[in-house]
C-alpha atoms as a PDB file:
ATOM      1  CA  MET A   1       6.604   6.990 -10.053  1.00  0.00           C
ATOM      2  CA  LYS A   2       8.765   3.958  -9.264  1.00  0.00           C
ATOM      3  CA  LYS A   3       7.816   2.154  -6.075  1.00  0.00           C
ATOM      4  CA  ASN A   4      10.606   1.231  -3.698  1.00  0.00           C
ATOM      5  CA  LEU A   5      10.495  -2.502  -3.064  1.00  0.00           C
ATOM      6  CA  THR A   6      13.352  -2.647  -0.578  1.00  0.00           C
ATOM      7  CA  THR A   7      12.464  -0.082   2.076  1.00  0.00           C
ATOM      8  CA  VAL A   8      11.612  -2.669   4.744  1.00  0.00           C
ATOM      9  CA  SER A   9      13.075  -6.166   4.727  1.00  0.00           C
ATOM     10  CA  PHE A  10      10.615  -9.043   4.486  1.00  0.00           C
ATOM     11  CA  LYS A  11       9.954 -11.084   7.619  1.00  0.00           C
ATOM     12  CA  GLY A  12       7.382 -13.795   6.970  1.00  0.00           C
ATOM     13  CA  THR A  13       6.484 -16.478   9.509  1.00  0.00           C
ATOM     14  CA  ALA A  14       6.270 -20.234   9.088  1.00  0.00           C
ATOM     15  CA  GLU A  15       2.519 -19.978   9.740  1.00  0.00           C
ATOM     16  CA  GLN A  16       2.089 -17.439   6.930  1.00  0.00           C
ATOM     17  CA  GLU A  17       4.165 -19.594   4.595  1.00  0.00           C
ATOM     18  CA  LYS A  18       1.971 -22.617   5.382  1.00  0.00           C
ATOM     19  CA  LYS A  19      -1.218 -20.622   4.707  1.00  0.00           C
ATOM     20  CA  LEU A  20       0.212 -19.384   1.401  1.00  0.00           C
ATOM     21  CA  ASP A  21       1.197 -22.901   0.329  1.00  0.00           C
ATOM     22  CA  GLU A  22      -2.314 -24.152   1.163  1.00  0.00           C
ATOM     23  CA  LEU A  23      -3.826 -21.273  -0.810  1.00  0.00           C
ATOM     24  CA  ILE A  24      -1.625 -22.021  -3.820  1.00  0.00           C
ATOM     25  CA  ALA A  25      -2.503 -25.737  -3.664  1.00  0.00           C
ATOM     26  CA  LEU A  26      -6.213 -24.895  -3.471  1.00  0.00           C
ATOM     27  CA  HIS A  27      -6.136 -22.803  -6.664  1.00  0.00           C
ATOM     28  CA  LYS A  28      -3.375 -24.444  -8.721  1.00  0.00           C
ATOM     29  CA  GLY A  29      -4.588 -25.196 -12.235  1.00  0.00           C
ATOM     30  CA  GLU A  30      -7.659 -22.934 -12.038  1.00  0.00           C
ATOM     31  CA  GLU A  31      -8.188 -20.233 -14.626  1.00  0.00           C
ATOM     32  CA  GLY A  32      -7.500 -16.852 -13.017  1.00  0.00           C
ATOM     33  CA  ALA A  33      -5.693 -18.489 -10.100  1.00  0.00           C
ATOM     34  CA  THR A  34      -2.915 -15.898 -10.016  1.00  0.00           C
ATOM     35  CA  MET A  35      -5.297 -13.067  -9.165  1.00  0.00           C
ATOM     36  CA  ARG A  36      -7.093 -15.080  -6.469  1.00  0.00           C
ATOM     37  CA  VAL A  37      -3.835 -16.242  -4.910  1.00  0.00           C
ATOM     38  CA  LEU A  38      -2.409 -12.691  -4.925  1.00  0.00           C
ATOM     39  CA  GLN A  39      -5.554 -11.440  -3.174  1.00  0.00           C
ATOM     40  CA  GLY A  40      -5.292 -14.201  -0.584  1.00  0.00           C
ATOM     41  CA  ALA A  41      -1.564 -13.652  -0.118  1.00  0.00           C
ATOM     42  CA  GLN A  42      -2.154  -9.980   0.563  1.00  0.00           C
ATOM     43  CA  GLU A  43      -4.683 -10.952   3.234  1.00  0.00           C
ATOM     44  CA  ILE A  44      -2.081 -13.266   4.788  1.00  0.00           C
ATOM     45  CA  TYR A  45       0.876 -10.864   4.705  1.00  0.00           C
ATOM     46  CA  GLY A  46      -0.790  -7.448   4.434  1.00  0.00           C
ATOM     47  CA  TYR A  47       1.222  -6.729   1.281  1.00  0.00           C
ATOM     48  CA  LEU A  48       3.011  -8.580  -1.537  1.00  0.00           C
ATOM     49  CA  PRO A  49       6.775  -8.620  -1.079  1.00  0.00           C
ATOM     50  CA  ILE A  50       8.797  -9.962  -4.014  1.00  0.00           C
ATOM     51  CA  GLU A  51       9.638 -13.089  -1.987  1.00  0.00           C
ATOM     52  CA  VAL A  52       5.931 -13.941  -1.784  1.00  0.00           C
ATOM     53  CA  GLN A  53       5.406 -13.172  -5.464  1.00  0.00           C
ATOM     54  CA  LYS A  54       8.235 -15.569  -6.391  1.00  0.00           C
ATOM     55  CA  ARG A  55       6.748 -18.303  -4.190  1.00  0.00           C
ATOM     56  CA  ILE A  56       3.365 -17.824  -5.888  1.00  0.00           C
ATOM     57  CA  ALA A  57       4.960 -18.002  -9.336  1.00  0.00           C
ATOM     58  CA  ILE A  58       6.787 -21.221  -8.501  1.00  0.00           C
ATOM     59  CA  GLY A  59       3.730 -22.740  -6.838  1.00  0.00           C
ATOM     60  CA  LEU A  60       1.387 -21.911  -9.715  1.00  0.00           C
ATOM     61  CA  ASP A  61       4.034 -22.661 -12.345  1.00  0.00           C
ATOM     62  CA  VAL A  62       3.715 -19.242 -13.968  1.00  0.00           C
ATOM     63  CA  PRO A  63       6.447 -16.709 -14.779  1.00  0.00           C
ATOM     64  CA  VAL A  64       7.447 -14.332 -11.991  1.00  0.00           C
ATOM     65  CA  ALA A  65       6.948 -11.521 -14.538  1.00  0.00           C
ATOM     66  CA  GLU A  66       3.254 -12.455 -14.801  1.00  0.00           C
ATOM     67  CA  VAL A  67       2.779 -12.365 -11.030  1.00  0.00           C
ATOM     68  CA  PHE A  68       4.718  -9.108 -10.726  1.00  0.00           C
ATOM     69  CA  GLY A  69       2.793  -7.603 -13.655  1.00  0.00           C
ATOM     70  CA  ILE A  70      -0.551  -8.309 -12.015  1.00  0.00           C
ATOM     71  CA  SER A  71       0.574  -7.116  -8.583  1.00  0.00           C
ATOM     72  CA  THR A  72       1.873  -3.821  -9.978  1.00  0.00           C
ATOM     73  CA  PHE A  73      -1.008  -3.210 -12.383  1.00  0.00           C
ATOM     74  CA  TYR A  74      -3.884  -3.371  -9.903  1.00  0.00           C
ATOM     75  CA  SER A  75      -4.038  -0.645  -7.261  1.00  0.00           C
ATOM     76  CA  GLN A  76      -5.607  -3.055  -4.746  1.00  0.00           C
ATOM     77  CA  PHE A  77      -2.190  -4.649  -4.249  1.00  0.00           C
ATOM     78  CA  ALA A  78       0.473  -3.148  -1.994  1.00  0.00           C
ATOM     79  CA  LEU A  79       4.130  -3.919  -2.624  1.00  0.00           C
ATOM     80  CA  ASN A  80       5.266  -2.509   0.693  1.00  0.00           C
ATOM     81  CA  PRO A  81       3.932  -3.066   4.183  1.00  0.00           C
ATOM     82  CA  LYS A  82       1.787  -0.379   5.676  1.00  0.00           C
ATOM     83  CA  GLY A  83       3.454   1.534   8.470  1.00  0.00           C
ATOM     84  CA  GLU A  84       2.102   1.689  11.988  1.00  0.00           C
ATOM     85  CA  VAL A  85       0.901   5.101  10.856  1.00  0.00           C
ATOM     86  CA  ALA A  86      -0.557   4.621   7.373  1.00  0.00           C
ATOM     87  CA  VAL A  87      -0.978   8.013   5.701  1.00  0.00           C
ATOM     88  CA  ALA A  88      -2.961   8.365   2.480  1.00  0.00           C
ATOM     89  CA  ILE A  89      -3.825  11.531   0.592  1.00  0.00           C
ATOM     90  CA  CYS A  90      -6.642  11.593  -1.927  1.00  0.00           C
ATOM     91  CA  LEU A  91      -5.497  12.895  -5.293  1.00  0.00           C
ATOM     92  CA  GLY A  92      -8.884  12.442  -6.923  1.00  0.00           C
ATOM     93  CA  THR A  93     -10.227  15.372  -8.931  1.00  0.00           C
ATOM     94  CA  ALA A  94     -12.208  17.153  -6.191  1.00  0.00           C
ATOM     95  CA  CYS A  95      -9.370  16.896  -3.690  1.00  0.00           C
ATOM     96  CA  TYR A  96      -6.685  17.749  -6.213  1.00  0.00           C
ATOM     97  CA  VAL A  97      -8.343  20.962  -7.388  1.00  0.00           C
ATOM     98  CA  LYS A  98      -8.645  21.997  -3.734  1.00  0.00           C
ATOM     99  CA  GLY A  99      -4.924  21.538  -3.080  1.00  0.00           C
ATOM    100  CA  SER A 100      -4.284  17.908  -2.142  1.00  0.00           C
ATOM    101  CA  GLY A 101      -1.169  17.856  -4.339  1.00  0.00           C
ATOM    102  CA  ASP A 102       0.434  20.511  -2.133  1.00  0.00           C
ATOM    103  CA  ILE A 103      -0.659  18.621   0.982  1.00  0.00           C
ATOM    104  CA  PHE A 104       0.863  15.437  -0.439  1.00  0.00           C
ATOM    105  CA  ASN A 105       4.170  17.207  -1.074  1.00  0.00           C
ATOM    106  CA  LYS A 106       4.187  18.626   2.462  1.00  0.00           C
ATOM    107  CA  VAL A 107       3.590  15.170   3.956  1.00  0.00           C
ATOM    108  CA  LYS A 108       6.434  13.739   1.845  1.00  0.00           C
ATOM    109  CA  GLU A 109       8.701  16.515   3.087  1.00  0.00           C
ATOM    110  CA  ILE A 110       7.796  16.008   6.757  1.00  0.00           C
ATOM    111  CA  LEU A 111       7.948  12.197   6.727  1.00  0.00           C
ATOM    112  CA  GLY A 112      10.925  11.991   4.368  1.00  0.00           C
ATOM    113  CA  ILE A 113       9.409   9.160   2.313  1.00  0.00           C
ATOM    114  CA  GLU A 114       8.042   8.813  -1.195  1.00  0.00           C
ATOM    115  CA  GLU A 115       4.629   7.621  -2.343  1.00  0.00           C
ATOM    116  CA  GLY A 116       4.141   3.880  -2.040  1.00  0.00           C
ATOM    117  CA  THR A 117       6.935   3.426   0.488  1.00  0.00           C
ATOM    118  CA  THR A 118       7.378   2.835   4.184  1.00  0.00           C
ATOM    119  CA  SER A 119       9.925   4.501   6.432  1.00  0.00           C
ATOM    120  CA  PRO A 120      12.928   2.283   7.233  1.00  0.00           C
ATOM    121  CA  ASP A 121      11.745   1.907  10.840  1.00  0.00           C
ATOM    122  CA  GLY A 122       8.288   0.767   9.682  1.00  0.00           C
ATOM    123  CA  ARG A 123       6.602   3.646  11.501  1.00  0.00           C
ATOM    124  CA  TYR A 124       5.104   5.549   8.535  1.00  0.00           C
ATOM    125  CA  SER A 125       3.817   4.625   5.097  1.00  0.00           C
ATOM    126  CA  LEU A 126       2.568   7.037   2.458  1.00  0.00           C
ATOM    127  CA  ASP A 127       0.121   6.394  -0.346  1.00  0.00           C
ATOM    128  CA  ALA A 128      -1.705   8.478  -2.893  1.00  0.00           C
ATOM    129  CA  THR A 129      -5.286   7.362  -3.392  1.00  0.00           C
ATOM    130  CA  ARG A 130      -8.025   8.181  -5.805  1.00  0.00           C
ATOM    131  CA  CYS A 131     -11.495   9.244  -4.721  1.00  0.00           C
ATOM    132  CA  ILE A 132     -12.412   7.916  -1.288  1.00  0.00           C
ATOM    133  CA  GLY A 133     -15.958   9.245  -1.497  1.00  0.00           C
ATOM    134  CA  ALA A 134     -15.506  12.251   0.776  1.00  0.00           C
ATOM    135  CA  CYS A 135     -15.526  14.914  -1.946  1.00  0.00           C
ATOM    136  CA  GLY A 136     -17.519  17.316   0.222  1.00  0.00           C
ATOM    137  CA  LEU A 137     -14.590  17.358   2.658  1.00  0.00           C
ATOM    138  CA  ALA A 138     -11.928  17.948  -0.011  1.00  0.00           C
ATOM    139  CA  PRO A 139      -9.000  17.907   0.297  1.00  0.00           C
ATOM    140  CA  VAL A 140      -8.856  14.725   2.366  1.00  0.00           C
ATOM    141  CA  MET A 141      -6.068  12.831   4.116  1.00  0.00           C
ATOM    142  CA  THR A 142      -6.547   9.603   6.042  1.00  0.00           C
ATOM    143  CA  ILE A 143      -4.295   8.320   8.783  1.00  0.00           C
ATOM    144  CA  ASN A 144      -5.082   4.744   9.694  1.00  0.00           C
ATOM    145  CA  ASP A 145      -8.894   4.928  10.007  1.00  0.00           C
ATOM    146  CA  GLU A 146      -9.090   8.644  10.819  1.00  0.00           C
ATOM    147  CA  VAL A 147     -10.286  11.052   8.095  1.00  0.00           C
ATOM    148  CA  TYR A 148      -8.995  14.640   7.995  1.00  0.00           C
ATOM    149  CA  GLY A 149     -11.000  16.866   5.675  1.00  0.00           C
ATOM    150  CA  ARG A 150     -10.860  20.448   4.451  1.00  0.00           C
ATOM    151  CA  LEU A 151      -7.155  20.266   5.194  1.00  0.00           C
ATOM    152  CA  THR A 152      -4.679  23.029   4.466  1.00  0.00           C
ATOM    153  CA  VAL A 153      -0.918  22.748   4.013  1.00  0.00           C
ATOM    154  CA  SER A 154      -0.398  24.760   7.220  1.00  0.00           C
ATOM    155  CA  GLU A 155      -2.391  22.162   9.224  1.00  0.00           C
ATOM    156  CA  VAL A 156      -0.445  19.109   8.013  1.00  0.00           C
ATOM    157  CA  LYS A 157       2.410  19.380  10.526  1.00  0.00           C
ATOM    158  CA  ASP A 158       0.012  19.554  13.493  1.00  0.00           C
ATOM    159  CA  VAL A 159      -2.047  16.613  12.249  1.00  0.00           C
ATOM    160  CA  LEU A 160       1.047  14.450  11.778  1.00  0.00           C
ATOM    161  CA  ALA A 161       2.374  15.513  15.191  1.00  0.00           C
ATOM    162  CA  LYS A 162      -0.515  13.605  16.798  1.00  0.00           C
ATOM    163  CA  TYR A 163       1.041  10.371  15.467  1.00  0.00           C
ATOM    164  CA  GLN A 164       4.654  10.926  16.439  1.00  0.00           C
ATOM    165  CA  GLY A 165       5.750   8.485  19.028  1.00  0.00           C
END
């Protein structure tokens, strides 16, 4: 599924920009620098907006397509900021066979956003994950650091209601 890169406009700070430039300078010319700089940039910004990816490409003197390719290939990288309420549903095998796909669809319906995106107000983000290691609680949804296990579609609305604000 295509990820929406324009849901929330990018707002970086001068301090973040300085940290990124220092990170790029530290790794420029090293083999595998792109991956290390992307990891560091995600720590700085919390995600990898296209503006940051372009700055990395220019700074490391590599094609933007290479930076974008790496950032979209590896699941550790987020292309959108996490919402204040970061919702993730496990679609790993154990969770999926116990109905997490239906739970995922219900969450999409309630929040009105697609997987890998953030609501325009920045309140909610939605991600599909693979196994989070809580197979005995399948199906599992996490909201921020809270784990909700043995979830049913009928419970989703009440769980999400706790985070409406």
